[in-house]
Amino acid sequence: MNTDFAYWFDRCGLSKKEFARRVAQQAQTHGLPHVRTAASRVRGWLTGQQPVELAEVIAEVVTEACGEPVRAADLGFRTARPSDDRPVADALDRHCRADLIVRKAIDGAGSVDLVSGPTLVENAERVSLGRSVVPMTGGRVGGRHVAQVSAATTIFRQWDNTYGGGLRRKAVVGQLSEVVPLLHGPFTDERTGCALFAAVADLAQLAGWMSFDLALDATAQRYYLLALRLASDAGDRAQVARMLYCLARQMIELDRPRDALDLTGLALYVTHRARMPRVTAMLRVMEGRAYACLGDATGCDRALGLAADAFSSNGSDPAWSEFFDETELAGVTGVALRDLAVRDSPNSARHAARARPWIAQAATGRSRAFLRSRVLDLAGLALVDLLLDEPHAALSSGRQALEQAGAVNSSRVERNLSQLAATAADRYPSIRAVREFDGRVRKVLPG
């Protein structure tokens, strides 16, 4: 029995007949028109037969079906010839091309193809704690390529921070598709190769974040998982922790806090020997949000306390973590307490009262460069005021959020404002201003 292949075959969610059809189809693109596969051959591979000629073809089919890079060796198969050990580059290339051309085909109904539960956590652990690529050296890809990728990512990230995913997401995916060939090297030296992998991971993370912002959940998760492999191959543990944070953040939004807690715990383990105040604080706050969504006030408070301690400690953080400043710390601390107020009904008012000054501090401190975050802060502040039975204060913040939301293209912003209006209308149906606000949100944000 080939337990490795059995695991991945089960992950594919395909029948043996359909899997065989896809292998035959992929073999055609490799110049193997003579290949004929059937369900019986798939059964043979599951029982231990070695499809040496087709091993890499099967790995490509599994990669496409699961949305993450898988090598023939991961399936327990031997190959007829050595490969260049760049499965992540090939998988990223296919994902970008599919995203650019046929997005609906890879995202389906949003979370249909989403991985969660033990499958997600176990796979993230396997990738996070491993390192499969040693860059080839003595070649053409050098420091200038790394600088160019990083510069492009910086510009794109500025767009996203201000205006949301919106129309700019496809530009980021297109840029990512263009830089994928660089991953094949060869590189001027190993250090440059690792830096290039880390830079492309940074860009892939942004593609995932923008997809997440537009509620393209399955697409976002695939970018995160591919970025996780790139960061792991680069030996960049801070980036590995960052991708785990993104996966955990997504699980929070999808109401899977236990998955988020497991992923955050893995990220903290990956970075436990490093002294990175901002990164550690960021992870601890996410841990706090996971506990909050479970209604665990003790766990939430403990994690938020550790986040504050970490943020004020000494150390050195990577450049990408600069966004996590005092304003962001205040905002996410308030969000965690807001989540706790929603889940811990008997103590809702007390938690909401604690959340309010944190969120207000963030809303006041945001610069124009972080317009989307400011709109989310204002919507969060309004929700907290509703929980505190202050409908008119809630309307004041809600109107500000709605007014500024016009410049932002973000499904998260639209969803939060729609939920805010619905909550206000449900709690205070007799207040005319509340009804008018609800109507205005429905008109401005018909989705």
Foldseek 3Di string as FASTA:
>chain_A
DQVLQVVLVVLLVDQLAVLQVQLQVLVVVVVCPVDHGGSVVVVVVVVPDAPQDSLQSSQVSSCLSLLAFDHSVSSVHHHPDDDLQPSLLVSLLVLLVCCLPPVCVQLPPQCPSPDFDPVVLVLLLVLLPDARDQAAADWDDEDVLLVVLQVVLVVLVLCCLQFALPPCLNVLSVVLNVCSVCLSDNYNDRLRNLSNLLSSLSSLQVSLRRCVQASSRSSSLSSLNSSLNSNSNSVNLLSNLVSLCVVLVSCLVVLNLVRSLSSLVSSCVSCVVALALLSQLSSLLSNLLSCLLVLNPVRNVVSNVVSVVSNPDDHDHDPVSPVSDQLVNLQSNLVSLCSNLVVNVVCNLVSLVVSQVSLVSNLVPDDSSNLVSNLVSLLSNLSSCVSNVNNVSSLVSLVVSVVSSVSHDGPVSLVSSQVSLVSLCVVCVPDPSSVVSNVVSCVSRVD
